[in-house]
Amino acid sequence: MTPLHPTQGQPARLASEYSGSVGKILARVQAAYPKYIDLSLDRLTTLLHRLGNPERALPPVIHVAGTNGKGSTCAFIRTIAEAHQWRVHVMTSPHLVSVAERFRLAGALVQEDALAATLEEVEAINGDAPITVFEILTAAGFLLFARQPADLAIIEVGLGGRLDATNVISAPLASVITPIGLDHQSFLGDSITEIAREKAGIIKPHCPVISAAQDAAVTSVIEAEAMKVNAPLWMIGRDVTYRVLPDGGMAYTDPYGDLTLPAPGLVGQHQYGNAALAIAALRSAANDRMQNADWAAITQTQWPGRLQKLSGSLLNHVPPGWEIWLDGGHNPHASHALLPTLQKWQDRPLHLLIGMKSSKDIEGFIRPLLPYATSVHAVIEPDQYDAISVADIVAASGHVALPGPDILGALKKLGGATGRVLICGSLYLAGAALRRDKVVARV
């Protein structure tokens, strides 16, 4: 199967949700070339050449692909590097509340006026040539990064790897592959090996590769791709190991030695693996520069929308003492990653508020969670991109879920002395929830 082609009828994320002048620019780009996803390197390569190839003037790059955990792994890498007094650029996607969240320049989120000015510059140079919103944002990010000195750039793949716009990076400091599962099959292939092959497309000749623990079939693909280009490979579970200590800390081992570390700052059993992946990336590719690194800085890592405990205005809609949590996981692999946390959450009733994107495996996400839920509510927010209908979520749950129909409507139905709410199923729902909660997404 070779599904990597322009997508006909793909619902575009509304540029109107972007704020101010940035929104106007992206609306123009989207109107001129309305395909939101169109995997190809040709358009961006041409544009970058006309911009003077800023992607060749970046600081050393750690390039991160995978299905789940990319953003969290990037956040762990950044926290460790910044604790080491490095200036760090970061490019991630998607954003939750503001498009400016996608770009950190040497430690601070880009200012929206600076981003707008750069986008206008890129748009003018691109002219009438076809370009997607993601590609023009990527070009703007490279231009911003090339113009401000830094010691490291962390760049997250948007979708896939081989034909993702970020894959114009020719010689990264390291390529990182987080856990791979079934997702985006209409673009990447129907089988786990096809998807793995696309994501392993970020592996470059002689550049270190660090992979999370993977299914055997995925491991074989990554090993073959690394061997093909003589890229040294560290696999979590083989070359790198970690275990959770009784006190919640982590014992970590790689070819350079052992570390005993505190618990990661992000909640969830799966975050130990993401933290180990981040540590391995820095140690495998830059150990000579990281001799005095504070690896315990992982305890300071923050990344909104990933098992985040909310503290804003949504709490006004549940009884006193209740908790509201938010997680943007949106595929079966992410659903299973939640299970160890849900097992620990049996101390009080758990109410799930689930909203998802239409292209996702809804039943595969919902079914593993049902045994842990006191109630399930299908929700859709007015500003939630490409959301599946409440009726379809109810049907996918085997009619266990009740119609929300939205977050506030579902919260108003809850009651009891104690309770816990988990809003989950989509990063776009997570962004809508944070706007409801009146919380800034990323610090």
Protein backbone atom coordinates (compact mmCIF):
# COMPACT_ATOMS: atom_id res chain seq x y z
CA MET A 1 0.00 0.00 0.00
CA THR A 2 1.24 3.50 -0.87
CA PRO A 3 -1.36 5.90 0.58
CA LEU A 4 0.91 8.96 0.67
CA HIS A 5 -0.96 11.24 -1.69
CA PRO A 6 -2.88 14.53 -1.52
CA THR A 7 -5.98 14.02 0.56
CA GLN A 8 -9.25 14.78 -1.13
CA GLY A 9 -11.97 16.01 1.18
CA GLN A 10 -9.76 16.02 4.28
CA PRO A 11 -11.39 18.48 6.72
CA ALA A 12 -8.96 21.33 7.26
CA ARG A 13 -8.40 22.64 10.75
CA LEU A 14 -10.06 26.03 10.67
CA ALA A 15 -7.53 28.82 10.34
CA SER A 16 -10.09 31.01 12.11
CA GLU A 17 -9.11 29.35 15.38
CA TYR A 18 -5.65 30.92 15.09
CA SER A 19 -5.50 34.35 16.66
CA GLY A 20 -4.98 37.79 15.14
CA SER A 21 -2.61 38.39 12.26
CA VAL A 22 -1.29 34.81 12.44
CA GLY A 23 -4.81 33.59 11.79
CA LYS A 24 -5.24 35.85 8.78
CA ILE A 25 -2.03 34.59 7.20
CA LEU A 26 -2.85 30.93 7.77
CA ALA A 27 -6.39 31.49 6.48
CA ARG A 28 -4.92 32.83 3.23
CA VAL A 29 -2.57 29.86 2.92
CA GLN A 30 -5.37 27.41 3.64
CA ALA A 31 -7.71 29.05 1.13
CA ALA A 32 -5.06 28.87 -1.58
CA TYR A 33 -4.21 25.20 -0.92
CA PRO A 34 -6.93 23.66 1.26
CA LYS A 35 -5.39 20.20 1.74
CA TYR A 36 -4.49 20.10 5.43
CA ILE A 37 -2.39 16.95 5.02
CA ASP A 38 -0.46 16.32 1.80
CA LEU A 39 2.68 14.34 2.58
CA SER A 40 5.52 15.43 0.31
CA LEU A 41 8.93 17.09 0.58
CA ASP A 42 8.97 18.76 -2.84
CA ARG A 43 6.96 21.90 -2.04
CA LEU A 44 8.86 22.65 1.15
CA THR A 45 12.27 21.87 -0.35
CA THR A 46 11.58 24.40 -3.11
CA LEU A 47 10.43 27.04 -0.63
CA LEU A 48 13.39 26.50 1.70
CA HIS A 49 15.79 26.90 -1.22
CA ARG A 50 14.18 30.26 -2.02
CA LEU A 51 14.54 31.22 1.67
CA GLY A 52 18.27 30.46 1.61
CA ASN A 53 17.98 26.97 3.15
CA PRO A 54 17.58 27.95 6.81
CA GLU A 55 17.28 24.24 7.74
CA ARG A 56 21.02 23.99 7.04
CA ALA A 57 21.82 26.74 9.57
CA LEU A 58 20.19 25.16 12.62
CA PRO A 59 21.98 24.14 15.81
CA PRO A 60 22.37 20.37 16.33
CA VAL A 61 18.95 18.75 15.90
CA ILE A 62 17.24 15.92 17.76
CA HIS A 63 14.47 14.72 15.44
CA VAL A 64 11.56 12.89 17.12
CA ALA A 65 9.05 10.60 15.38
CA GLY A 66 6.63 7.92 16.60
CA THR A 67 2.95 7.35 17.30
CA ASN A 68 2.63 8.25 20.99
CA GLY A 69 4.80 10.15 23.43
CA LYS A 70 6.56 12.46 20.96
CA GLY A 71 5.61 15.67 22.74
CA SER A 72 6.39 14.30 26.19
CA THR A 73 9.77 12.98 25.02
CA CYS A 74 10.58 16.38 23.51
CA ALA A 75 9.62 18.01 26.81
CA PHE A 76 11.94 15.71 28.79
CA ILE A 77 14.83 16.38 26.40
CA ARG A 78 14.26 20.13 26.69
CA THR A 79 14.08 20.08 30.48
CA ILE A 80 17.37 18.19 30.81
CA ALA A 81 19.15 20.33 28.21
CA GLU A 82 17.96 23.60 29.73
CA ALA A 83 18.99 22.43 33.20
CA HIS A 84 22.42 21.93 31.60
CA GLN A 85 22.35 25.64 30.65
CA TRP A 86 21.81 24.97 26.97
CA ARG A 87 19.73 27.32 24.85
CA VAL A 88 17.10 25.14 23.22
CA HIS A 89 14.80 25.65 20.24
CA VAL A 90 11.72 23.40 20.07
CA MET A 91 9.17 22.79 17.29
CA THR A 92 6.15 20.64 18.17
CA SER A 93 2.62 20.08 16.87
CA PRO A 94 -0.26 20.36 17.15
CA HIS A 95 -0.82 23.29 19.47
CA LEU A 96 -3.55 23.20 22.10
CA VAL A 97 -4.59 26.84 22.58
CA SER A 98 -2.23 29.15 20.66
CA VAL A 99 -0.21 28.45 17.53
CA ALA A 100 2.74 30.14 19.26
CA GLU A 101 3.02 27.01 21.46
CA ARG A 102 4.59 25.23 18.49
CA PHE A 103 7.82 27.24 18.65
CA ARG A 104 10.23 27.84 21.50
CA LEU A 105 13.18 30.10 20.74
CA ALA A 106 16.17 29.58 23.03
CA GLY A 107 13.91 28.90 26.00
CA ALA A 108 10.86 31.11 25.43
CA LEU A 109 7.70 30.73 23.36
CA VAL A 110 7.79 32.82 20.20
CA GLN A 111 5.90 36.10 20.40
CA GLU A 112 2.88 36.11 18.10
CA ASP A 113 3.93 39.34 16.37
CA ALA A 114 7.35 37.85 15.59
CA LEU A 115 5.71 34.69 14.30
CA ALA A 116 3.30 36.71 12.16
CA ALA A 117 6.15 38.75 10.66
CA THR A 118 8.08 35.59 9.80
CA LEU A 119 5.00 33.92 8.30
CA GLU A 120 4.37 37.00 6.15
CA GLU A 121 7.97 36.86 4.95
CA VAL A 122 7.66 33.18 4.07
CA GLU A 123 4.29 33.70 2.42
CA ALA A 124 5.66 36.52 0.25
CA ILE A 125 8.62 34.43 -0.92
CA ASN A 126 6.39 31.42 -1.59
CA GLY A 127 4.10 33.55 -3.76
CA ASP A 128 1.36 31.62 -5.51
CA ALA A 129 3.07 28.23 -5.20
CA PRO A 130 0.99 25.50 -3.51
CA ILE A 131 1.90 25.05 0.17
CA THR A 132 0.10 23.51 3.15
CA VAL A 133 -0.42 25.24 6.49
CA PHE A 134 1.93 22.77 8.21
CA GLU A 135 4.62 23.33 5.59
CA ILE A 136 4.54 27.11 5.88
CA LEU A 137 4.64 26.83 9.68
CA THR A 138 7.62 24.47 9.39
CA ALA A 139 9.44 26.86 7.06
CA ALA A 140 8.77 29.75 9.44
CA GLY A 141 10.08 27.67 12.34
CA PHE A 142 13.32 26.88 10.52
CA LEU A 143 13.76 30.56 9.68
CA LEU A 144 13.19 31.61 13.29
CA PHE A 145 15.59 28.93 14.56
CA ALA A 146 18.32 29.80 12.06
CA ARG A 147 18.27 33.47 13.07
CA GLN A 148 18.63 33.01 16.82
CA PRO A 149 21.64 31.19 18.28
CA ALA A 150 21.02 28.05 20.33
CA ASP A 151 22.83 24.92 21.43
CA LEU A 152 20.14 22.42 20.45
CA ALA A 153 16.98 22.20 18.35
CA ILE A 154 14.31 19.60 19.16
CA ILE A 155 12.02 19.00 16.20
CA GLU A 156 8.91 16.82 16.38
CA VAL A 157 7.61 15.11 13.26
CA GLY A 158 4.12 16.20 12.29
CA LEU A 159 2.84 12.97 10.73
CA GLY A 160 4.74 9.84 9.73
CA GLY A 161 8.38 10.60 9.07
CA ARG A 162 9.68 9.74 5.61
CA LEU A 163 7.60 12.38 3.79
CA ASP A 164 6.88 14.67 6.74
CA ALA A 165 7.87 18.29 6.14
CA THR A 166 10.37 18.20 9.01
CA ASN A 167 12.34 15.42 7.30
CA VAL A 168 14.42 17.87 5.29
CA ILE A 169 16.91 17.67 8.19
CA SER A 170 19.81 15.80 6.57
CA ALA A 171 22.13 15.00 9.49
CA PRO A 172 20.51 15.24 12.93
CA LEU A 173 22.45 14.89 16.15
CA ALA A 174 20.07 11.99 16.87
CA SER A 175 16.86 10.46 15.54
CA VAL A 176 14.39 9.36 18.22
CA ILE A 177 11.49 6.98 17.63
CA THR A 178 8.83 6.81 20.34
CA PRO A 179 6.38 3.86 20.66
CA ILE A 180 4.75 3.00 17.33
CA GLY A 181 1.16 1.80 17.04
CA LEU A 182 -1.69 1.83 14.54
CA ASP A 183 -2.73 5.40 13.75
CA HIS A 184 -3.17 7.54 10.62
CA GLN A 185 -3.57 4.37 8.54
CA SER A 186 -5.09 6.30 5.62
CA PHE A 187 -1.76 8.10 5.22
CA LEU A 188 0.87 5.69 6.51
CA GLY A 189 -0.40 2.19 5.68
CA ASP A 190 -2.71 -0.44 7.11
CA SER A 191 -0.10 -2.61 8.85
CA ILE A 192 2.19 -1.87 11.77
CA THR A 193 5.23 -2.64 9.60
CA GLU A 194 4.15 -0.14 6.91
CA ILE A 195 3.68 2.52 9.57
CA ALA A 196 7.02 1.67 11.17
CA ARG A 197 8.76 1.95 7.81
CA GLU A 198 7.36 5.45 7.31
CA LYS A 199 8.36 6.59 10.78
CA ALA A 200 11.82 5.02 10.47
CA GLY A 201 12.27 7.24 7.42
CA ILE A 202 13.81 9.88 9.70
CA ILE A 203 16.87 7.64 10.24
CA LYS A 204 19.91 9.21 8.54
CA PRO A 205 23.31 7.79 7.57
CA HIS A 206 25.71 7.43 10.51
CA CYS A 207 23.43 9.44 12.86
CA PRO A 208 22.54 7.79 16.21
CA VAL A 209 19.04 6.31 16.51
CA ILE A 210 17.28 5.76 19.83
CA SER A 211 14.06 3.76 19.83
CA ALA A 212 11.49 3.05 22.50
CA ALA A 213 10.64 -0.57 23.24
CA GLN A 214 8.59 -1.76 20.27
CA ASP A 215 6.66 -4.78 19.04
CA ALA A 216 8.93 -7.39 17.45
CA ALA A 217 7.78 -6.51 13.91
CA VAL A 218 8.47 -2.80 14.48
CA THR A 219 11.87 -3.55 16.01
CA SER A 220 12.84 -5.54 12.93
CA VAL A 221 11.93 -2.64 10.64
CA ILE A 222 13.90 -0.11 12.71
CA GLU A 223 16.91 -2.40 12.94
CA ALA A 224 16.89 -2.98 9.19
CA GLU A 225 16.59 0.74 8.38
CA ALA A 226 19.40 1.64 10.80
CA MET A 227 21.65 -1.09 9.44
CA LYS A 228 20.99 0.00 5.86
CA VAL A 229 22.55 3.44 6.51
CA ASN A 230 25.08 2.43 9.20
CA ALA A 231 23.24 4.37 11.91
CA PRO A 232 24.16 3.24 15.46
CA LEU A 233 21.03 2.08 17.27
CA TRP A 234 20.07 2.00 20.94
CA MET A 235 16.83 0.17 21.76
CA ILE A 236 15.04 0.65 25.07
CA GLY A 237 14.78 -2.79 26.67
CA ARG A 238 17.96 -4.03 25.00
CA ASP A 239 20.75 -1.41 25.00
CA VAL A 240 18.97 0.82 27.51
CA THR A 241 16.94 -0.46 30.46
CA TYR A 242 14.96 1.19 33.22
CA ARG A 243 12.79 0.09 36.11
CA VAL A 244 10.51 1.86 38.54
CA LEU A 245 11.81 1.84 42.10
CA PRO A 246 9.61 1.24 45.19
CA ASP A 247 9.83 4.94 46.10
CA GLY A 248 8.61 5.96 42.63
CA GLY A 249 12.06 6.81 41.31
CA MET A 250 13.74 5.24 38.31
CA ALA A 251 16.83 3.08 37.92
CA TYR A 252 18.32 3.68 34.45
CA THR A 253 21.16 1.86 32.65
CA ASP A 254 22.79 2.38 29.25
CA PRO A 255 26.22 1.59 27.75
CA TYR A 256 27.66 4.63 29.56
CA GLY A 257 26.56 3.49 33.01
CA ASP A 258 23.82 3.65 35.63
CA LEU A 259 21.66 6.48 36.94
CA THR A 260 19.27 6.57 39.90
CA LEU A 261 16.66 9.23 39.31
CA PRO A 262 13.50 10.68 40.88
CA ALA A 263 10.06 10.13 39.36
CA PRO A 264 9.38 12.01 36.11
CA GLY A 265 7.43 15.21 36.42
CA LEU A 266 4.73 13.91 34.06
CA VAL A 267 2.08 11.56 35.48
CA GLY A 268 1.62 8.01 34.22
CA GLN A 269 3.62 4.77 34.06
CA HIS A 270 4.36 5.35 30.36
CA GLN A 271 6.22 8.57 31.18
CA TYR A 272 9.08 6.58 32.70
CA GLY A 273 9.68 5.16 29.23
CA ASN A 274 9.51 8.60 27.62
CA ALA A 275 11.97 9.97 30.19
CA ALA A 276 14.35 7.06 29.58
CA LEU A 277 14.13 7.69 25.84
CA ALA A 278 15.02 11.36 26.33
CA ILE A 279 17.99 10.55 28.56
CA ALA A 280 19.23 7.94 26.09
CA ALA A 281 18.96 10.41 23.21
CA LEU A 282 21.20 12.95 24.92
CA ARG A 283 23.67 10.38 26.25
CA SER A 284 24.03 8.44 23.00
CA ALA A 285 24.52 11.50 20.82
CA ALA A 286 26.18 14.05 23.10
CA ASN A 287 27.61 12.21 26.10
CA ASP A 288 30.90 14.08 25.86
CA ARG A 289 29.00 17.37 26.27
CA MET A 290 26.67 16.10 29.01
CA GLN A 291 29.16 14.85 31.60
CA ASN A 292 27.81 17.18 34.30
CA ALA A 293 24.16 17.06 33.25
CA ASP A 294 21.47 17.10 35.92
CA TRP A 295 19.50 14.06 34.74
CA ALA A 296 17.23 14.42 37.77
CA ALA A 297 15.78 17.48 36.02
CA ILE A 298 13.15 15.11 34.56
CA THR A 299 11.20 15.71 37.74
CA GLN A 300 10.64 19.34 36.59
CA THR A 301 9.15 18.46 33.19
CA GLN A 302 5.72 19.84 32.30
CA TRP A 303 3.65 19.13 29.19
CA PRO A 304 -0.02 20.16 29.19
CA GLY A 305 -2.68 17.82 27.90
CA ARG A 306 -0.87 14.66 29.01
CA LEU A 307 -2.54 13.39 32.18
CA GLN A 308 -2.74 16.97 33.35
CA LYS A 309 -4.63 17.79 36.53
CA LEU A 310 -6.79 20.85 35.89
CA SER A 311 -7.12 23.66 38.39
CA GLY A 312 -9.17 26.28 36.58
CA SER A 313 -12.79 27.23 36.07
CA LEU A 314 -14.03 23.75 35.09
CA LEU A 315 -13.80 22.78 38.76
CA ASN A 316 -16.69 25.19 39.39
CA HIS A 317 -18.95 22.71 37.58
CA VAL A 318 -18.29 19.67 39.81
CA PRO A 319 -18.83 19.15 43.56
CA PRO A 320 -16.12 20.43 45.94
CA GLY A 321 -13.14 18.12 46.34
CA TRP A 322 -13.51 16.49 42.93
CA GLU A 323 -10.59 16.18 40.49
CA ILE A 324 -10.60 16.85 36.75
CA TRP A 325 -7.82 15.41 34.61
CA LEU A 326 -7.06 15.88 30.93
CA ASP A 327 -5.29 13.59 28.46
CA GLY A 328 -4.90 14.02 24.71
CA GLY A 329 -4.17 10.37 23.84
CA HIS A 330 -6.28 9.38 20.84
CA ASN A 331 -5.53 5.82 19.67
CA PRO A 332 -5.66 2.29 21.15
CA HIS A 333 -1.97 2.37 22.12
CA ALA A 334 -2.56 5.58 24.11
CA SER A 335 -5.68 4.07 25.66
CA HIS A 336 -3.72 1.08 26.95
CA ALA A 337 -1.04 3.44 28.29
CA LEU A 338 -3.71 4.97 30.54
CA LEU A 339 -4.67 1.66 32.15
CA PRO A 340 -1.98 1.53 34.91
CA THR A 341 -3.11 4.98 36.05
CA LEU A 342 -6.80 4.03 35.97
CA GLN A 343 -6.01 0.96 38.06
CA LYS A 344 -4.58 3.28 40.72
CA TRP A 345 -7.62 5.53 40.49
CA GLN A 346 -10.12 3.03 41.90
CA ASP A 347 -10.22 4.95 45.19
CA ARG A 348 -13.17 7.02 43.94
CA PRO A 349 -15.72 6.97 41.11
CA LEU A 350 -14.23 7.73 37.69
CA HIS A 351 -16.25 9.56 35.02
CA LEU A 352 -14.90 9.59 31.46
CA LEU A 353 -15.70 12.44 29.06
CA ILE A 354 -14.65 11.22 25.62
CA GLY A 355 -14.47 13.17 22.37
CA MET A 356 -12.48 12.08 19.32
CA LYS A 357 -11.42 13.02 15.81
CA SER A 358 -13.44 11.35 13.05
CA SER A 359 -10.51 9.46 11.51
CA LYS A 360 -9.58 7.62 14.73
CA ASP A 361 -10.28 4.07 15.92
CA ILE A 362 -13.01 5.09 18.34
CA GLU A 363 -14.01 1.64 19.53
CA GLY A 364 -10.36 0.60 19.92
CA PHE A 365 -9.74 3.61 22.15
CA ILE A 366 -12.88 3.37 24.28
CA ARG A 367 -13.28 -0.35 24.97
CA PRO A 368 -10.14 -0.83 27.18
CA LEU A 369 -11.25 2.06 29.41
CA LEU A 370 -14.82 0.91 30.10
CA PRO A 371 -14.08 -1.54 32.96
CA TYR A 372 -12.62 1.31 35.04
CA ALA A 373 -15.39 3.87 34.49
CA THR A 374 -18.37 4.60 36.72
CA SER A 375 -19.90 6.55 33.84
CA VAL A 376 -18.93 7.47 30.29
CA HIS A 377 -20.09 10.60 28.46
CA ALA A 378 -19.69 11.31 24.75
CA VAL A 379 -18.83 14.96 24.14
CA ILE A 380 -18.10 17.36 21.31
CA GLU A 381 -17.03 20.99 21.70
CA PRO A 382 -18.04 23.67 19.18
CA ASP A 383 -14.39 24.54 18.43
CA GLN A 384 -13.12 20.94 18.35
CA TYR A 385 -11.47 20.21 15.00
CA ASP A 386 -12.96 17.42 12.84
CA ALA A 387 -14.79 15.91 15.80
CA ILE A 388 -16.85 12.75 15.51
CA SER A 389 -20.51 13.02 16.47
CA VAL A 390 -21.78 12.23 19.94
CA ALA A 391 -24.05 9.55 18.44
CA ASP A 392 -21.10 7.76 16.84
CA ILE A 393 -19.15 7.77 20.11
CA VAL A 394 -22.17 6.35 21.93
CA ALA A 395 -22.47 3.60 19.32
CA ALA A 396 -18.73 2.79 19.46
CA SER A 397 -19.00 2.38 23.24
CA GLY A 398 -21.67 -0.29 22.81
CA HIS A 399 -24.22 2.32 23.96
CA VAL A 400 -22.57 2.50 27.38
CA ALA A 401 -21.73 6.19 26.89
CA LEU A 402 -24.33 8.86 27.57
CA PRO A 403 -24.60 11.97 25.38
CA GLY A 404 -22.78 14.88 27.06
CA PRO A 405 -23.41 16.55 24.75
CA ASP A 406 -20.46 18.81 25.58
CA ILE A 407 -18.00 19.14 28.47
CA LEU A 408 -20.12 21.47 30.60
CA GLY A 409 -23.27 19.49 29.92
CA ALA A 410 -21.62 16.27 31.04
CA LEU A 411 -20.08 17.83 34.16
CA LYS A 412 -23.48 19.17 35.25
CA LYS A 413 -24.85 15.62 35.30
CA LEU A 414 -22.27 14.38 37.79
CA GLY A 415 -22.74 14.26 41.53
CA GLY A 416 -21.58 12.54 44.67
CA ALA A 417 -19.34 13.16 47.65
CA THR A 418 -16.15 12.24 45.77
CA GLY A 419 -15.33 11.77 42.15
CA ARG A 420 -12.71 12.03 39.45
CA VAL A 421 -13.22 13.13 35.85
CA LEU A 422 -10.95 12.27 32.93
CA ILE A 423 -11.47 14.25 29.71
CA CYS A 424 -9.78 12.28 26.94
CA GLY A 425 -9.69 11.06 23.34
CA SER A 426 -8.22 13.95 21.35
CA LEU A 427 -5.57 16.65 21.51
CA TYR A 428 -8.10 18.94 19.87
CA LEU A 429 -10.61 18.18 22.65
CA ALA A 430 -7.77 18.84 25.11
CA GLY A 431 -7.24 22.27 23.57
CA ALA A 432 -10.95 23.01 23.79
CA ALA A 433 -10.99 21.87 27.43
CA LEU A 434 -8.06 24.13 28.29
CA ARG A 435 -9.87 27.07 26.72
CA ARG A 436 -12.92 26.18 28.83
CA ASP A 437 -10.69 25.94 31.88
CA LYS A 438 -9.12 29.31 31.03
CA VAL A 439 -5.62 27.89 31.43
CA VAL A 440 -2.61 28.82 29.28
CA ALA A 441 -1.59 25.59 27.56
CA ARG A 442 2.22 25.57 27.63
CA VAL A 443 4.70 27.31 29.87
